[in-house]
N, C-alpha and C. Protein backbone atom coordinates (compact mmCIF):
# COMPACT_ATOMS: atom_id res chain seq x y z
N MET A 1 -17.10 1.43 6.06
CA MET A 1 -16.62 1.07 4.73
C MET A 1 -16.33 -0.42 4.68
N LEU A 2 -16.66 -1.03 3.57
CA LEU A 2 -16.45 -2.46 3.40
C LEU A 2 -15.15 -2.73 2.65
N ALA A 3 -14.37 -3.66 3.18
CA ALA A 3 -13.17 -4.14 2.51
C ALA A 3 -13.30 -5.64 2.31
N VAL A 4 -13.05 -6.10 1.10
CA VAL A 4 -13.11 -7.52 0.78
C VAL A 4 -11.70 -8.02 0.50
N ILE A 5 -11.28 -9.03 1.24
CA ILE A 5 -9.97 -9.66 1.04
C ILE A 5 -10.20 -11.03 0.43
N VAL A 6 -9.59 -11.27 -0.72
CA VAL A 6 -9.72 -12.57 -1.38
C VAL A 6 -8.41 -13.31 -1.25
N GLY A 7 -8.44 -14.41 -0.51
CA GLY A 7 -7.21 -15.15 -0.22
C GLY A 7 -6.86 -14.94 1.23
N GLY A 8 -6.95 -16.01 1.99
CA GLY A 8 -6.72 -15.87 3.42
C GLY A 8 -5.27 -16.12 3.78
N GLY A 9 -5.03 -17.15 4.56
CA GLY A 9 -3.68 -17.40 5.01
C GLY A 9 -3.27 -16.40 6.08
N ARG A 10 -2.02 -16.51 6.51
CA ARG A 10 -1.52 -15.65 7.58
C ARG A 10 -1.55 -14.18 7.16
N GLY A 11 -1.13 -13.88 5.92
CA GLY A 11 -1.13 -12.49 5.46
C GLY A 11 -2.52 -11.90 5.44
N GLY A 12 -3.50 -12.69 4.98
CA GLY A 12 -4.87 -12.21 4.94
C GLY A 12 -5.43 -11.94 6.33
N ALA A 13 -5.04 -12.78 7.30
CA ALA A 13 -5.51 -12.58 8.67
C ALA A 13 -4.97 -11.30 9.26
N TYR A 14 -3.66 -11.06 9.09
CA TYR A 14 -3.06 -9.83 9.60
C TYR A 14 -3.68 -8.60 8.94
N LEU A 15 -3.88 -8.69 7.63
CA LEU A 15 -4.46 -7.56 6.91
C LEU A 15 -5.87 -7.27 7.39
N ALA A 16 -6.65 -8.32 7.59
CA ALA A 16 -8.02 -8.15 8.07
C ALA A 16 -8.04 -7.44 9.42
N GLN A 17 -7.16 -7.85 10.32
CA GLN A 17 -7.09 -7.23 11.64
C GLN A 17 -6.68 -5.76 11.55
N ASP A 18 -5.73 -5.46 10.67
CA ASP A 18 -5.30 -4.07 10.50
C ASP A 18 -6.42 -3.20 9.94
N LEU A 19 -7.13 -3.72 8.95
CA LEU A 19 -8.22 -2.95 8.35
C LEU A 19 -9.36 -2.73 9.34
N GLN A 20 -9.63 -3.74 10.15
CA GLN A 20 -10.66 -3.58 11.18
C GLN A 20 -10.27 -2.50 12.17
N ALA A 21 -8.99 -2.44 12.51
CA ALA A 21 -8.51 -1.40 13.43
C ALA A 21 -8.66 -0.01 12.83
N GLN A 22 -8.67 0.06 11.49
CA GLN A 22 -8.85 1.34 10.80
C GLN A 22 -10.33 1.69 10.61
N GLY A 23 -11.22 0.81 11.04
CA GLY A 23 -12.64 1.11 10.96
C GLY A 23 -13.38 0.44 9.82
N TYR A 24 -12.70 -0.42 9.06
CA TYR A 24 -13.35 -1.12 7.96
C TYR A 24 -14.20 -2.28 8.47
N GLN A 25 -15.30 -2.52 7.78
CA GLN A 25 -16.00 -3.80 7.90
C GLN A 25 -15.31 -4.75 6.94
N VAL A 26 -14.84 -5.88 7.42
CA VAL A 26 -14.00 -6.76 6.60
C VAL A 26 -14.70 -8.09 6.33
N LYS A 27 -14.64 -8.51 5.06
CA LYS A 27 -15.07 -9.85 4.68
C LYS A 27 -13.91 -10.52 3.95
N VAL A 28 -13.67 -11.79 4.29
CA VAL A 28 -12.57 -12.55 3.70
C VAL A 28 -13.15 -13.73 2.94
N VAL A 29 -12.62 -13.95 1.73
CA VAL A 29 -13.04 -15.08 0.91
C VAL A 29 -11.85 -16.00 0.67
N ASP A 30 -12.03 -17.29 0.90
CA ASP A 30 -10.98 -18.27 0.61
C ASP A 30 -11.64 -19.59 0.23
N ARG A 31 -11.03 -20.28 -0.73
CA ARG A 31 -11.63 -21.52 -1.22
C ARG A 31 -11.24 -22.75 -0.39
N ARG A 32 -10.30 -22.60 0.53
CA ARG A 32 -9.80 -23.74 1.30
C ARG A 32 -10.53 -23.84 2.64
N PRO A 33 -11.30 -24.92 2.85
CA PRO A 33 -12.10 -25.05 4.08
C PRO A 33 -11.25 -24.98 5.35
N GLU A 34 -10.04 -25.56 5.32
CA GLU A 34 -9.22 -25.55 6.54
C GLU A 34 -8.74 -24.14 6.88
N VAL A 35 -8.46 -23.33 5.84
CA VAL A 35 -8.05 -21.95 6.07
C VAL A 35 -9.22 -21.13 6.60
N VAL A 36 -10.39 -21.36 6.01
CA VAL A 36 -11.60 -20.65 6.45
C VAL A 36 -11.89 -20.93 7.92
N ALA A 37 -11.78 -22.21 8.31
CA ALA A 37 -12.05 -22.57 9.70
C ALA A 37 -11.09 -21.87 10.65
N LYS A 38 -9.83 -21.78 10.26
CA LYS A 38 -8.84 -21.13 11.12
C LYS A 38 -9.08 -19.63 11.19
N LEU A 39 -9.41 -19.01 10.04
CA LEU A 39 -9.65 -17.57 10.01
C LEU A 39 -10.85 -17.18 10.87
N ARG A 40 -11.86 -18.03 10.89
CA ARG A 40 -13.06 -17.73 11.68
C ARG A 40 -12.75 -17.69 13.17
N GLN A 41 -11.67 -18.35 13.57
CA GLN A 41 -11.25 -18.31 14.97
C GLN A 41 -10.37 -17.11 15.27
N GLU A 42 -9.74 -16.55 14.22
CA GLU A 42 -8.72 -15.52 14.44
C GLU A 42 -9.24 -14.10 14.23
N ILE A 43 -10.24 -13.92 13.38
CA ILE A 43 -10.70 -12.57 13.08
C ILE A 43 -12.19 -12.43 13.36
N GLU A 44 -12.63 -11.20 13.54
CA GLU A 44 -14.03 -10.93 13.87
C GLU A 44 -14.89 -10.79 12.62
N GLY A 45 -14.29 -10.48 11.49
CA GLY A 45 -15.06 -10.27 10.27
C GLY A 45 -15.63 -11.55 9.71
N GLU A 46 -16.52 -11.40 8.74
CA GLU A 46 -17.15 -12.54 8.10
C GLU A 46 -16.15 -13.24 7.18
N VAL A 47 -16.09 -14.57 7.25
CA VAL A 47 -15.19 -15.36 6.41
C VAL A 47 -16.04 -16.33 5.59
N ILE A 48 -15.89 -16.27 4.28
CA ILE A 48 -16.72 -17.05 3.37
C ILE A 48 -15.87 -18.08 2.66
N CYS A 49 -16.33 -19.31 2.60
CA CYS A 49 -15.64 -20.37 1.87
C CYS A 49 -16.17 -20.38 0.43
N GLY A 50 -15.31 -20.04 -0.51
CA GLY A 50 -15.73 -19.99 -1.90
C GLY A 50 -14.60 -19.54 -2.79
N ASP A 51 -14.84 -19.62 -4.09
CA ASP A 51 -13.84 -19.24 -5.09
C ASP A 51 -13.94 -17.75 -5.38
N GLY A 52 -12.93 -16.99 -5.00
CA GLY A 52 -12.95 -15.55 -5.21
C GLY A 52 -12.89 -15.13 -6.66
N CYS A 53 -12.61 -16.07 -7.55
CA CYS A 53 -12.63 -15.77 -8.99
C CYS A 53 -14.03 -15.88 -9.57
N SER A 54 -14.98 -16.29 -8.75
CA SER A 54 -16.36 -16.47 -9.20
C SER A 54 -17.15 -15.19 -9.00
N PRO A 55 -17.76 -14.66 -10.06
CA PRO A 55 -18.60 -13.46 -9.91
C PRO A 55 -19.73 -13.67 -8.90
N GLN A 56 -20.25 -14.90 -8.85
CA GLN A 56 -21.36 -15.18 -7.93
C GLN A 56 -20.91 -15.05 -6.47
N ILE A 57 -19.71 -15.55 -6.18
CA ILE A 57 -19.20 -15.43 -4.80
C ILE A 57 -18.93 -13.97 -4.45
N LEU A 58 -18.33 -13.24 -5.38
CA LEU A 58 -18.05 -11.83 -5.12
C LEU A 58 -19.35 -11.04 -4.93
N GLU A 59 -20.37 -11.40 -5.69
CA GLU A 59 -21.67 -10.74 -5.51
C GLU A 59 -22.27 -11.10 -4.15
N GLN A 60 -22.09 -12.35 -3.75
CA GLN A 60 -22.64 -12.82 -2.47
C GLN A 60 -22.08 -12.05 -1.28
N VAL A 61 -20.80 -11.66 -1.36
CA VAL A 61 -20.19 -10.95 -0.22
C VAL A 61 -20.39 -9.44 -0.31
N GLY A 62 -21.11 -8.99 -1.35
CA GLY A 62 -21.41 -7.56 -1.45
C GLY A 62 -20.29 -6.71 -2.01
N THR A 63 -19.54 -7.28 -2.96
CA THR A 63 -18.38 -6.56 -3.51
C THR A 63 -18.77 -5.24 -4.16
N SER A 64 -19.96 -5.15 -4.70
CA SER A 64 -20.39 -3.91 -5.35
C SER A 64 -20.49 -2.75 -4.36
N GLN A 65 -20.56 -3.07 -3.06
CA GLN A 65 -20.62 -2.03 -2.02
C GLN A 65 -19.26 -1.76 -1.39
N ALA A 66 -18.24 -2.47 -1.84
CA ALA A 66 -16.93 -2.37 -1.20
C ALA A 66 -16.20 -1.09 -1.61
N ALA A 67 -15.49 -0.52 -0.65
CA ALA A 67 -14.60 0.61 -0.94
C ALA A 67 -13.22 0.12 -1.34
N LEU A 68 -12.92 -1.12 -0.98
CA LEU A 68 -11.58 -1.67 -1.22
C LEU A 68 -11.66 -3.17 -1.41
N VAL A 69 -10.93 -3.66 -2.42
CA VAL A 69 -10.73 -5.10 -2.60
C VAL A 69 -9.23 -5.37 -2.63
N VAL A 70 -8.81 -6.37 -1.87
CA VAL A 70 -7.40 -6.77 -1.86
C VAL A 70 -7.32 -8.23 -2.30
N ALA A 71 -6.61 -8.48 -3.41
CA ALA A 71 -6.42 -9.84 -3.92
C ALA A 71 -5.13 -10.42 -3.35
N MET A 72 -5.28 -11.45 -2.51
CA MET A 72 -4.12 -12.03 -1.81
C MET A 72 -3.91 -13.49 -2.17
N ALA A 73 -4.46 -13.94 -3.30
CA ALA A 73 -4.31 -15.34 -3.69
C ALA A 73 -2.85 -15.66 -3.97
N HIS A 74 -2.51 -16.94 -3.88
CA HIS A 74 -1.13 -17.36 -4.12
C HIS A 74 -0.84 -17.59 -5.60
N ASP A 75 -1.83 -17.41 -6.44
CA ASP A 75 -1.68 -17.59 -7.89
C ASP A 75 -1.91 -16.25 -8.57
N ASP A 76 -0.94 -15.81 -9.38
CA ASP A 76 -1.07 -14.51 -10.05
C ASP A 76 -2.25 -14.46 -11.01
N GLU A 77 -2.53 -15.57 -11.69
CA GLU A 77 -3.67 -15.59 -12.60
C GLU A 77 -4.98 -15.34 -11.85
N ASP A 78 -5.10 -15.96 -10.68
CA ASP A 78 -6.29 -15.74 -9.86
C ASP A 78 -6.39 -14.28 -9.44
N ASN A 79 -5.29 -13.70 -9.01
CA ASN A 79 -5.31 -12.30 -8.57
C ASN A 79 -5.73 -11.37 -9.69
N LEU A 80 -5.25 -11.63 -10.91
CA LEU A 80 -5.63 -10.78 -12.04
C LEU A 80 -7.12 -10.88 -12.34
N VAL A 81 -7.66 -12.09 -12.27
CA VAL A 81 -9.10 -12.28 -12.50
C VAL A 81 -9.91 -11.55 -11.42
N ILE A 82 -9.48 -11.68 -10.18
CA ILE A 82 -10.16 -11.01 -9.06
C ILE A 82 -10.16 -9.50 -9.25
N CYS A 83 -9.00 -8.96 -9.63
CA CYS A 83 -8.88 -7.50 -9.83
C CYS A 83 -9.78 -7.02 -10.96
N ARG A 84 -9.78 -7.76 -12.05
CA ARG A 84 -10.59 -7.35 -13.20
C ARG A 84 -12.08 -7.37 -12.86
N LEU A 85 -12.51 -8.41 -12.18
CA LEU A 85 -13.91 -8.49 -11.78
C LEU A 85 -14.26 -7.36 -10.80
N ALA A 86 -13.40 -7.14 -9.83
CA ALA A 86 -13.68 -6.11 -8.82
C ALA A 86 -13.82 -4.73 -9.44
N LYS A 87 -12.89 -4.40 -10.33
CA LYS A 87 -12.88 -3.06 -10.91
C LYS A 87 -13.94 -2.88 -11.99
N HIS A 88 -14.02 -3.81 -12.92
CA HIS A 88 -14.85 -3.62 -14.11
C HIS A 88 -16.28 -4.14 -13.95
N SER A 89 -16.47 -5.19 -13.17
CA SER A 89 -17.83 -5.73 -12.98
C SER A 89 -18.52 -5.15 -11.75
N PHE A 90 -17.74 -4.89 -10.69
CA PHE A 90 -18.35 -4.42 -9.45
C PHE A 90 -18.01 -2.96 -9.13
N LYS A 91 -17.21 -2.34 -9.98
CA LYS A 91 -16.91 -0.89 -9.88
C LYS A 91 -16.31 -0.50 -8.52
N VAL A 92 -15.44 -1.32 -8.01
CA VAL A 92 -14.78 -1.03 -6.73
C VAL A 92 -13.77 0.09 -6.93
N PRO A 93 -13.81 1.15 -6.13
CA PRO A 93 -12.93 2.30 -6.35
C PRO A 93 -11.44 2.02 -6.14
N ARG A 94 -11.10 1.11 -5.24
CA ARG A 94 -9.69 0.85 -4.93
C ARG A 94 -9.43 -0.65 -4.94
N VAL A 95 -8.53 -1.07 -5.83
CA VAL A 95 -8.19 -2.50 -5.97
C VAL A 95 -6.69 -2.67 -5.81
N ILE A 96 -6.30 -3.46 -4.83
CA ILE A 96 -4.89 -3.68 -4.51
C ILE A 96 -4.62 -5.18 -4.59
N THR A 97 -3.44 -5.55 -5.07
CA THR A 97 -3.12 -6.97 -5.20
C THR A 97 -1.68 -7.27 -4.87
N ARG A 98 -1.45 -8.53 -4.52
CA ARG A 98 -0.10 -9.02 -4.27
C ARG A 98 0.44 -9.65 -5.55
N VAL A 99 1.70 -9.36 -5.86
CA VAL A 99 2.39 -10.01 -6.98
C VAL A 99 3.22 -11.15 -6.40
N ASN A 100 2.94 -12.37 -6.82
CA ASN A 100 3.67 -13.51 -6.29
C ASN A 100 4.97 -13.76 -7.05
N ASN A 101 4.90 -13.72 -8.36
CA ASN A 101 6.07 -13.94 -9.21
C ASN A 101 6.48 -12.61 -9.83
N PRO A 102 7.65 -12.07 -9.50
CA PRO A 102 8.06 -10.76 -10.04
C PRO A 102 8.06 -10.71 -11.57
N ARG A 103 8.21 -11.86 -12.22
CA ARG A 103 8.19 -11.88 -13.69
C ARG A 103 6.82 -11.53 -14.25
N ASN A 104 5.79 -11.64 -13.42
CA ASN A 104 4.43 -11.34 -13.87
C ASN A 104 4.01 -9.90 -13.57
N GLU A 105 4.90 -9.12 -12.96
CA GLU A 105 4.52 -7.79 -12.49
C GLU A 105 4.03 -6.89 -13.62
N TRP A 106 4.58 -7.08 -14.82
CA TRP A 106 4.19 -6.24 -15.96
C TRP A 106 2.72 -6.41 -16.33
N LEU A 107 2.11 -7.53 -15.93
CA LEU A 107 0.71 -7.78 -16.25
C LEU A 107 -0.26 -6.96 -15.39
N TYR A 108 0.21 -6.51 -14.24
CA TYR A 108 -0.68 -5.85 -13.28
C TYR A 108 -0.88 -4.38 -13.66
N THR A 109 -1.79 -4.15 -14.58
CA THR A 109 -2.02 -2.82 -15.14
C THR A 109 -3.46 -2.37 -14.89
N LYS A 110 -3.73 -1.12 -15.25
CA LYS A 110 -5.09 -0.58 -15.13
C LYS A 110 -6.08 -1.38 -15.97
N ALA A 111 -5.61 -1.93 -17.09
CA ALA A 111 -6.49 -2.71 -17.95
C ALA A 111 -7.06 -3.92 -17.21
N TRP A 112 -6.29 -4.44 -16.28
CA TRP A 112 -6.74 -5.57 -15.47
C TRP A 112 -7.43 -5.11 -14.19
N GLY A 113 -7.62 -3.81 -14.04
CA GLY A 113 -8.33 -3.30 -12.87
C GLY A 113 -7.46 -3.07 -11.66
N VAL A 114 -6.14 -3.09 -11.85
CA VAL A 114 -5.21 -2.97 -10.72
C VAL A 114 -4.87 -1.51 -10.45
N ASP A 115 -5.11 -1.06 -9.23
CA ASP A 115 -4.69 0.29 -8.83
C ASP A 115 -3.29 0.25 -8.23
N VAL A 116 -3.03 -0.72 -7.39
CA VAL A 116 -1.70 -0.86 -6.76
C VAL A 116 -1.33 -2.33 -6.75
N ALA A 117 -0.13 -2.64 -7.26
CA ALA A 117 0.41 -4.01 -7.22
C ALA A 117 1.65 -4.01 -6.32
N ILE A 118 1.66 -4.89 -5.34
CA ILE A 118 2.75 -4.93 -4.37
C ILE A 118 3.57 -6.20 -4.56
N SER A 119 4.83 -6.02 -4.91
CA SER A 119 5.76 -7.13 -5.05
C SER A 119 6.73 -7.10 -3.88
N GLN A 120 6.57 -8.01 -2.94
CA GLN A 120 7.44 -8.03 -1.77
C GLN A 120 8.89 -8.31 -2.15
N VAL A 121 9.08 -9.11 -3.19
CA VAL A 121 10.44 -9.43 -3.62
C VAL A 121 11.15 -8.18 -4.09
N HIS A 122 10.46 -7.39 -4.93
CA HIS A 122 11.09 -6.16 -5.44
C HIS A 122 11.28 -5.12 -4.34
N MET A 123 10.31 -5.02 -3.42
CA MET A 123 10.45 -4.06 -2.33
C MET A 123 11.65 -4.40 -1.46
N THR A 124 11.80 -5.68 -1.14
CA THR A 124 12.94 -6.10 -0.31
C THR A 124 14.25 -5.86 -1.03
N ALA A 125 14.30 -6.21 -2.31
CA ALA A 125 15.52 -6.03 -3.08
C ALA A 125 15.89 -4.55 -3.18
N LYS A 126 14.88 -3.69 -3.31
CA LYS A 126 15.13 -2.26 -3.43
C LYS A 126 15.73 -1.70 -2.14
N VAL A 127 15.19 -2.14 -1.00
CA VAL A 127 15.72 -1.67 0.27
C VAL A 127 17.16 -2.11 0.46
N ILE A 128 17.45 -3.38 0.11
CA ILE A 128 18.82 -3.88 0.23
C ILE A 128 19.76 -3.10 -0.68
N GLU A 129 19.30 -2.88 -1.91
CA GLU A 129 20.13 -2.17 -2.89
C GLU A 129 20.47 -0.76 -2.44
N GLU A 130 19.49 -0.07 -1.87
CA GLU A 130 19.70 1.34 -1.55
C GLU A 130 20.21 1.55 -0.12
N GLU A 131 20.17 0.48 0.71
CA GLU A 131 20.70 0.56 2.08
C GLU A 131 20.23 1.82 2.80
N ILE A 132 19.04 1.75 3.32
CA ILE A 132 18.43 2.91 3.97
C ILE A 132 19.38 3.53 4.99
N GLY A 133 19.60 4.81 4.87
CA GLY A 133 20.45 5.54 5.80
C GLY A 133 19.99 6.98 5.88
N LEU A 134 20.63 7.77 6.73
CA LEU A 134 20.26 9.17 6.84
C LEU A 134 20.43 9.87 5.50
N GLY A 135 19.40 10.58 5.09
CA GLY A 135 19.48 11.35 3.86
C GLY A 135 19.27 10.55 2.59
N GLU A 136 19.02 9.23 2.71
CA GLU A 136 18.79 8.41 1.52
C GLU A 136 17.30 8.35 1.21
N LEU A 137 16.96 8.60 -0.04
CA LEU A 137 15.57 8.51 -0.48
C LEU A 137 15.34 7.11 -1.04
N VAL A 138 14.45 6.36 -0.41
CA VAL A 138 14.23 4.96 -0.78
C VAL A 138 12.81 4.78 -1.30
N THR A 139 12.67 4.13 -2.44
CA THR A 139 11.37 3.84 -3.02
C THR A 139 10.78 2.61 -2.34
N LEU A 140 9.60 2.77 -1.73
CA LEU A 140 8.93 1.67 -1.06
C LEU A 140 7.89 1.01 -1.94
N LEU A 141 7.22 1.80 -2.78
CA LEU A 141 6.11 1.28 -3.56
C LEU A 141 5.90 2.14 -4.80
N LYS A 142 5.86 1.48 -5.96
CA LYS A 142 5.57 2.19 -7.20
C LYS A 142 4.06 2.38 -7.35
N LEU A 143 3.66 3.55 -7.85
CA LEU A 143 2.25 3.87 -8.02
C LEU A 143 2.00 4.33 -9.45
N ASN A 144 0.76 4.19 -9.87
CA ASN A 144 0.33 4.72 -11.18
C ASN A 144 1.25 4.25 -12.29
N ARG A 145 1.42 2.92 -12.37
CA ARG A 145 2.25 2.30 -13.42
C ARG A 145 3.67 2.84 -13.44
N GLY A 146 4.20 3.11 -12.29
CA GLY A 146 5.59 3.53 -12.20
C GLY A 146 5.84 5.01 -12.36
N GLU A 147 4.78 5.80 -12.55
CA GLU A 147 4.96 7.24 -12.75
C GLU A 147 5.16 7.99 -11.43
N ALA A 148 4.74 7.37 -10.34
CA ALA A 148 4.90 7.99 -9.01
C ALA A 148 5.31 6.90 -8.03
N ALA A 149 5.62 7.31 -6.81
CA ALA A 149 6.09 6.33 -5.84
C ALA A 149 5.87 6.82 -4.42
N LEU A 150 5.73 5.86 -3.50
CA LEU A 150 5.79 6.14 -2.07
C LEU A 150 7.25 6.00 -1.67
N VAL A 151 7.82 7.06 -1.13
CA VAL A 151 9.25 7.07 -0.80
C VAL A 151 9.46 7.37 0.68
N GLU A 152 10.61 6.95 1.19
CA GLU A 152 10.96 7.17 2.59
C GLU A 152 12.32 7.84 2.67
N LEU A 153 12.46 8.73 3.65
CA LEU A 153 13.74 9.40 3.89
C LEU A 153 13.91 9.64 5.37
N ASN A 154 15.08 9.30 5.90
CA ASN A 154 15.41 9.61 7.29
C ASN A 154 16.11 10.96 7.33
N LEU A 155 15.53 11.92 8.02
CA LEU A 155 16.04 13.29 7.99
C LEU A 155 17.34 13.41 8.80
N PRO A 156 18.43 13.82 8.16
CA PRO A 156 19.70 13.95 8.88
C PRO A 156 19.75 15.24 9.71
N GLY A 157 20.69 15.29 10.63
CA GLY A 157 20.85 16.48 11.48
C GLY A 157 21.30 17.69 10.72
N THR A 158 21.85 17.49 9.52
CA THR A 158 22.32 18.61 8.69
C THR A 158 21.24 19.15 7.77
N SER A 159 20.03 18.61 7.86
CA SER A 159 18.95 19.01 6.94
C SER A 159 18.59 20.49 7.12
N PRO A 160 18.41 21.20 6.00
CA PRO A 160 17.96 22.60 6.09
C PRO A 160 16.51 22.71 6.55
N CYS A 161 15.79 21.57 6.59
CA CYS A 161 14.39 21.59 7.02
C CYS A 161 14.24 21.39 8.52
N ARG A 162 15.31 21.05 9.21
CA ARG A 162 15.23 20.77 10.65
C ARG A 162 14.74 21.99 11.41
N GLY A 163 13.65 21.81 12.20
CA GLY A 163 13.09 22.90 12.98
C GLY A 163 12.14 23.80 12.22
N ARG A 164 11.88 23.48 10.95
CA ARG A 164 10.98 24.31 10.14
C ARG A 164 9.63 23.63 9.97
N ALA A 165 8.57 24.45 9.86
CA ALA A 165 7.23 23.93 9.63
C ALA A 165 7.09 23.46 8.19
N ILE A 166 6.28 22.43 7.98
CA ILE A 166 6.11 21.88 6.64
C ILE A 166 5.60 22.92 5.66
N ARG A 167 4.70 23.79 6.13
CA ARG A 167 4.13 24.79 5.22
C ARG A 167 5.18 25.78 4.72
N ASP A 168 6.32 25.87 5.42
CA ASP A 168 7.36 26.82 5.02
C ASP A 168 8.42 26.19 4.13
N LEU A 169 8.28 24.89 3.85
CA LEU A 169 9.27 24.21 3.03
C LEU A 169 9.01 24.46 1.55
N GLN A 170 10.07 24.53 0.79
CA GLN A 170 9.95 24.72 -0.66
C GLN A 170 9.96 23.34 -1.33
N LEU A 171 8.86 22.60 -1.15
CA LEU A 171 8.78 21.27 -1.73
C LEU A 171 8.31 21.33 -3.17
N PRO A 172 8.73 20.38 -4.01
CA PRO A 172 8.27 20.36 -5.40
C PRO A 172 6.75 20.23 -5.46
N ALA A 173 6.17 20.74 -6.53
CA ALA A 173 4.71 20.75 -6.67
C ALA A 173 4.12 19.35 -6.72
N ASP A 174 4.85 18.39 -7.29
CA ASP A 174 4.32 17.04 -7.47
C ASP A 174 4.71 16.10 -6.33
N THR A 175 4.84 16.64 -5.13
CA THR A 175 5.16 15.82 -3.96
C THR A 175 4.28 16.23 -2.78
N VAL A 176 4.07 15.28 -1.87
CA VAL A 176 3.33 15.58 -0.64
C VAL A 176 3.84 14.67 0.47
N ILE A 177 4.08 15.24 1.64
CA ILE A 177 4.47 14.45 2.80
C ILE A 177 3.20 13.86 3.42
N VAL A 178 3.15 12.52 3.53
CA VAL A 178 1.92 11.87 3.99
C VAL A 178 2.01 11.41 5.44
N SER A 179 3.21 11.20 5.96
CA SER A 179 3.33 10.84 7.37
C SER A 179 4.76 11.06 7.85
N VAL A 180 4.89 11.23 9.16
CA VAL A 180 6.19 11.38 9.81
C VAL A 180 6.22 10.41 10.99
N ILE A 181 7.25 9.58 11.06
CA ILE A 181 7.42 8.68 12.20
C ILE A 181 8.55 9.22 13.05
N ARG A 182 8.23 9.53 14.30
CA ARG A 182 9.19 10.17 15.20
C ARG A 182 9.25 9.38 16.51
N GLY A 183 10.41 8.83 16.79
CA GLY A 183 10.55 8.05 18.02
C GLY A 183 9.65 6.83 18.05
N GLY A 184 9.39 6.26 16.87
CA GLY A 184 8.53 5.08 16.80
C GLY A 184 7.05 5.38 16.81
N LYS A 185 6.67 6.67 16.86
CA LYS A 185 5.26 7.05 16.88
C LYS A 185 4.89 7.81 15.61
N LEU A 186 3.68 7.56 15.13
CA LEU A 186 3.20 8.21 13.91
C LEU A 186 2.74 9.63 14.20
N VAL A 187 3.21 10.57 13.41
CA VAL A 187 2.78 11.97 13.47
C VAL A 187 2.07 12.29 12.16
N ILE A 188 0.79 12.68 12.25
CA ILE A 188 0.06 13.08 11.05
C ILE A 188 0.52 14.49 10.68
N PRO A 189 1.15 14.67 9.52
CA PRO A 189 1.72 15.98 9.19
C PRO A 189 0.65 17.03 8.89
N ARG A 190 0.84 18.20 9.45
CA ARG A 190 0.00 19.36 9.18
C ARG A 190 0.91 20.52 8.80
N GLY A 191 0.32 21.60 8.41
CA GLY A 191 1.13 22.73 7.97
C GLY A 191 2.10 23.23 9.01
N ASP A 192 1.69 23.17 10.30
CA ASP A 192 2.55 23.70 11.35
C ASP A 192 3.46 22.63 11.98
N THR A 193 3.43 21.41 11.45
CA THR A 193 4.32 20.35 11.96
C THR A 193 5.77 20.69 11.65
N GLN A 194 6.60 20.72 12.67
CA GLN A 194 8.02 21.00 12.49
C GLN A 194 8.80 19.70 12.38
N LEU A 195 9.69 19.63 11.42
CA LEU A 195 10.50 18.43 11.22
C LEU A 195 11.70 18.45 12.15
N GLU A 196 12.11 17.25 12.58
CA GLU A 196 13.24 17.10 13.48
C GLU A 196 14.23 16.09 12.92
N ALA A 197 15.47 16.22 13.30
CA ALA A 197 16.49 15.26 12.88
C ALA A 197 16.09 13.86 13.34
N GLY A 198 16.25 12.89 12.45
CA GLY A 198 15.88 11.51 12.76
C GLY A 198 14.47 11.15 12.37
N ASP A 199 13.66 12.13 11.96
CA ASP A 199 12.30 11.83 11.51
C ASP A 199 12.35 10.90 10.30
N GLU A 200 11.47 9.89 10.30
CA GLU A 200 11.28 9.05 9.12
C GLU A 200 10.11 9.66 8.33
N ILE A 201 10.42 10.19 7.18
CA ILE A 201 9.42 10.91 6.39
C ILE A 201 8.94 10.02 5.25
N LEU A 202 7.61 9.85 5.16
CA LEU A 202 7.01 9.15 4.04
C LEU A 202 6.34 10.18 3.15
N ALA A 203 6.62 10.10 1.87
CA ALA A 203 6.04 11.07 0.93
C ALA A 203 5.64 10.36 -0.36
N VAL A 204 4.67 10.94 -1.04
CA VAL A 204 4.30 10.49 -2.38
C VAL A 204 4.83 11.51 -3.36
N SER A 205 5.51 11.02 -4.40
CA SER A 205 6.16 11.92 -5.35
C SER A 205 6.12 11.31 -6.73
N THR A 206 6.03 12.15 -7.74
CA THR A 206 6.27 11.65 -9.08
C THR A 206 7.75 11.30 -9.19
N VAL A 207 8.06 10.36 -10.06
CA VAL A 207 9.46 9.96 -10.23
C VAL A 207 10.31 11.15 -10.66
N ALA A 208 9.74 12.00 -11.51
CA ALA A 208 10.49 13.15 -12.01
C ALA A 208 10.84 14.14 -10.91
N ALA A 209 10.05 14.16 -9.83
CA ALA A 209 10.28 15.15 -8.77
C ALA A 209 11.08 14.59 -7.59
N GLU A 210 11.49 13.33 -7.66
CA GLU A 210 12.16 12.71 -6.52
C GLU A 210 13.47 13.41 -6.16
N LYS A 211 14.28 13.75 -7.15
CA LYS A 211 15.56 14.40 -6.85
C LYS A 211 15.34 15.76 -6.20
N ALA A 212 14.35 16.51 -6.72
CA ALA A 212 14.05 17.82 -6.14
C ALA A 212 13.53 17.69 -4.72
N LEU A 213 12.77 16.62 -4.45
CA LEU A 213 12.28 16.37 -3.09
C LEU A 213 13.44 16.09 -2.15
N LYS A 214 14.35 15.24 -2.59
CA LYS A 214 15.51 14.93 -1.75
C LYS A 214 16.35 16.17 -1.49
N ASP A 215 16.56 16.98 -2.54
CA ASP A 215 17.34 18.21 -2.37
C ASP A 215 16.67 19.16 -1.38
N ALA A 216 15.32 19.22 -1.42
CA ALA A 216 14.60 20.11 -0.52
C ALA A 216 14.71 19.66 0.94
N LEU A 217 14.72 18.35 1.15
CA LEU A 217 14.75 17.82 2.51
C LEU A 217 16.16 17.68 3.09
N VAL A 218 17.11 17.37 2.22
CA VAL A 218 18.47 17.09 2.67
C VAL A 218 19.44 18.21 2.33
N GLY A 219 19.13 18.91 1.23
CA GLY A 219 20.07 19.90 0.71
C GLY A 219 20.72 19.36 -0.55
N PRO A 220 21.07 20.22 -1.49
CA PRO A 220 21.69 19.77 -2.74
C PRO A 220 22.96 18.98 -2.47
N ALA A 221 23.18 17.96 -3.30
CA ALA A 221 24.38 17.13 -3.15
C ALA A 221 25.63 17.93 -3.52
């Protein structure tokens, strides 16, 4: 699968390495020659010097064949243009972008071709506000224009789910457990996976079902 990252820098380099580890063929586009030269030394994927807002450059790197485009430019206007071109001109199935200025977050919509917009400022503020602790449901990432979210919960020792298989849990219909981190190691959840106290549970849930999800995992307040 091809992943195209537009905007290099340190974040783009780390992302490229992570995607390569997941099996993606990665191409990075950046308009700054000095950044391109450095990236070519740091990553194995192809690095192209050019303007990622240009349809010609995106066509040159094979964006129409990409499974994923990530817009990592430092300018929100550039990221919006990249997303719109990727989704509407090149029909890329998954388009993810970074939000640099939280005041611009409202612009990152489906109309602009954005599937997921990540605001590090808002994510950090949310974690601080909610103070992650045992039994606390914390929103990590908003999805589908705020209608759903990726949430995290640390399972307390008093949880009614402790020692039970996931398939036996009475979880809300609009939620799914996507991963479990146990002792610092990732556990891919299956029906027979038993939850343990201290598990870090990542789930996708509609906003409306979040309270029911927390009640199912922790017990009613």
